[in-house]
């Protein structure tokens, strides 16, 4: 344990059989001058390690600043995403309006081109009339094209 950089633990000293040193540590006595010197070296090594690490650790102020910066960045990103979504929404609505207007115009044109029921009934009457005329003409053609009989 001595020289390892780890603190001296009286229990580990008792387990190792060095009862005299363990009792000295428990009683608050430093033990021999050599042991005290070793403990001071270990303590110095540990504090040196802390001194090297300590400047790299963030303070409360650093954490508050970092938190505030992150929160601002998140809010800014959220606002930018919301604005972009709003723009896309408006573009989509405009495209839907254009499609709806074009579709309405196409339907109007189709309706104008399509015949209504009344138009079809009128056509049917005209076809019947024409059919009657065709029969009359067919009879006349038949009479005119029939072979002529000789008069006796």
Protein backbone atom coordinates (compact mmCIF):
# COMPACT_ATOMS: atom_id res chain seq x y z
CA UNK A 1 0.00 0.00 0.00
CA UNK A 2 2.78 2.42 0.77
CA UNK A 3 3.94 4.13 -2.41
CA UNK A 4 0.89 2.91 -4.38
CA UNK A 5 -0.87 6.26 -4.32
CA UNK A 6 -3.82 4.76 -2.46
CA UNK A 7 -4.73 5.84 1.09
CA UNK A 8 -3.72 3.68 3.96
CA UNK A 9 -6.63 1.70 5.32
CA UNK A 10 -6.22 0.41 8.90
CA UNK A 11 -8.24 -2.72 8.08
CA UNK A 12 -5.92 -3.67 5.23
CA UNK A 13 -2.97 -3.17 7.56
CA UNK A 14 -4.57 -5.46 10.16
CA UNK A 15 -5.21 -8.09 7.50
CA UNK A 16 -1.62 -7.95 6.35
CA UNK A 17 -0.47 -8.67 9.86
CA UNK A 18 1.12 -5.33 10.58
CA UNK A 19 -0.97 -4.68 13.71
CA UNK A 20 1.40 -2.12 15.13
CA UNK A 21 1.10 0.17 12.09
CA UNK A 22 -2.67 -0.30 11.98
CA UNK A 23 -3.04 0.66 15.62
CA UNK A 24 -0.86 3.71 15.10
CA UNK A 25 -3.05 4.85 12.18
CA UNK A 26 -6.27 4.27 14.11
CA UNK A 27 -4.98 6.17 17.15
CA UNK A 28 -4.08 9.13 14.94
CA UNK A 29 -0.39 8.58 15.35
CA UNK A 30 1.59 8.64 12.14
CA UNK A 31 3.76 5.67 12.88
CA UNK A 32 7.45 5.85 12.15
CA UNK A 33 8.97 8.85 10.42
CA UNK A 34 9.51 6.71 7.31
CA UNK A 35 5.80 5.74 7.23
CA UNK A 36 4.76 9.35 7.73
CA UNK A 37 7.05 10.41 4.91
CA UNK A 38 5.56 7.75 2.64
CA UNK A 39 2.05 8.91 3.52
CA UNK A 40 3.01 12.49 2.68
CA UNK A 41 4.46 11.37 -0.67
CA UNK A 42 1.24 9.49 -1.43
CA UNK A 43 -0.83 12.50 -0.42
CA UNK A 44 1.32 14.77 -2.59
CA UNK A 45 0.95 12.40 -5.59
CA UNK A 46 -2.81 12.35 -5.19
CA UNK A 47 -3.11 16.14 -4.88
CA UNK A 48 -0.86 16.57 -7.92
CA UNK A 49 -3.23 14.35 -9.89
CA UNK A 50 -6.18 16.45 -8.72
CA UNK A 51 -4.36 19.65 -9.64
CA UNK A 52 -3.87 18.35 -13.20
CA UNK A 53 -7.50 17.29 -13.60
CA UNK A 54 -9.12 20.23 -11.81
CA UNK A 55 -8.56 22.90 -14.52
CA UNK A 56 -10.25 20.68 -17.10
CA UNK A 57 -13.45 20.34 -15.07
CA UNK A 58 -16.35 22.69 -15.78
CA UNK A 59 -17.52 25.12 -13.13
CA UNK A 60 -21.15 25.83 -12.29
CA UNK A 61 -20.93 29.04 -14.31
CA UNK A 62 -19.55 27.11 -17.29
CA UNK A 63 -22.41 24.63 -17.04
CA UNK A 64 -25.01 27.41 -16.78
CA UNK A 65 -23.53 29.15 -19.83
CA UNK A 66 -23.39 25.90 -21.76
CA UNK A 67 -26.97 25.08 -20.79
CA UNK A 68 -28.17 28.53 -21.82
CA UNK A 69 -26.31 28.29 -25.15
CA UNK A 70 -27.76 24.84 -25.85
CA UNK A 71 -31.24 26.01 -24.96
CA UNK A 72 -30.89 29.00 -27.29
CA UNK A 73 -29.59 26.76 -30.07
CA UNK A 74 -32.50 24.35 -29.63
CA UNK A 75 -35.04 27.18 -29.64
CA UNK A 76 -33.45 28.72 -32.74
CA UNK A 77 -33.41 25.36 -34.53
CA UNK A 78 -37.01 24.73 -33.55
CA UNK A 79 -38.07 28.15 -34.84
CA UNK A 80 -36.22 27.60 -38.13
CA UNK A 81 -37.88 24.19 -38.54
CA UNK A 82 -41.29 25.71 -37.77
CA UNK A 83 -40.75 28.51 -40.31
CA UNK A 84 -39.66 25.99 -42.95
CA UNK A 85 -42.71 23.82 -42.24
CA UNK A 86 -44.97 26.89 -42.54
CA UNK A 87 -43.42 27.76 -45.93
CA UNK A 88 -43.89 24.20 -47.17
CA UNK A 89 -47.48 24.27 -45.94
CA UNK A 90 -48.21 27.49 -47.82
CA UNK A 91 -46.59 26.16 -51.00
CA UNK A 92 -48.65 22.97 -50.75
CA UNK A 93 -51.87 24.93 -50.22
CA UNK A 94 -51.12 27.11 -53.24
CA UNK A 95 -50.50 24.04 -55.39
CA UNK A 96 -53.74 22.47 -54.19
CA UNK A 97 -55.63 25.68 -55.04
CA UNK A 98 -54.12 25.69 -58.55
CA UNK A 99 -55.05 22.05 -59.07
CA UNK A 100 -58.58 22.64 -57.82
CA UNK A 101 -59.05 25.61 -60.17
CA UNK A 102 -57.65 23.67 -63.13
CA UNK A 103 -59.88 20.72 -62.32
CA UNK A 104 -62.95 22.96 -62.08
CA UNK A 105 -62.12 24.52 -65.45
CA UNK A 106 -61.60 21.07 -66.99
CA UNK A 107 -64.99 19.95 -65.62
CA UNK A 108 -66.70 23.04 -67.05
CA UNK A 109 -65.19 22.35 -70.47
CA UNK A 110 -66.17 18.69 -70.32
CA UNK A 111 -69.74 19.57 -69.36
CA UNK A 112 -69.98 21.97 -72.27
CA UNK A 113 -68.74 19.28 -74.64
CA UNK A 114 -70.99 16.56 -73.23
CA UNK A 115 -74.52 16.10 -74.50
CA UNK A 116 -77.35 16.37 -72.04
CA UNK A 117 -80.28 14.01 -71.85
CA UNK A 118 -82.42 16.54 -73.70
CA UNK A 119 -79.76 16.77 -76.42
CA UNK A 120 -79.82 12.98 -76.84
CA UNK A 121 -83.61 12.87 -77.06
CA UNK A 122 -83.54 15.58 -79.73
CA UNK A 123 -80.95 13.61 -81.69
CA UNK A 124 -83.09 10.48 -81.45
CA UNK A 125 -86.09 12.35 -82.92
CA UNK A 126 -83.94 13.69 -85.75
CA UNK A 127 -82.53 10.21 -86.49
CA UNK A 128 -86.09 8.79 -86.64
CA UNK A 129 -87.14 11.55 -89.03
CA UNK A 130 -84.10 10.95 -91.19
CA UNK A 131 -84.83 7.22 -91.07
CA UNK A 132 -88.36 7.89 -92.33
CA UNK A 133 -87.00 10.03 -95.15
CA UNK A 134 -84.46 7.33 -96.05
CA UNK A 135 -87.29 4.74 -96.34
CA UNK A 136 -89.25 7.00 -98.62
CA UNK A 137 -86.21 7.62 -100.81
CA UNK A 138 -85.38 3.89 -100.81
CA UNK A 139 -88.90 3.10 -102.11
CA UNK A 140 -88.56 5.71 -104.81
CA UNK A 141 -85.16 4.36 -105.84
CA UNK A 142 -86.58 0.86 -105.90
CA UNK A 143 -89.42 1.97 -108.19
CA UNK A 144 -87.10 3.84 -110.49
CA UNK A 145 -84.54 1.08 -110.71
CA UNK A 146 -86.99 -1.73 -111.29
CA UNK A 147 -86.80 -3.35 -114.73
CA UNK A 148 -89.23 -1.79 -117.07
CA UNK A 149 -91.96 -3.97 -118.43
CA UNK A 150 -92.72 -3.87 -122.00
CA UNK A 151 -96.03 -2.47 -122.86
CA UNK A 152 -98.27 -4.74 -124.77
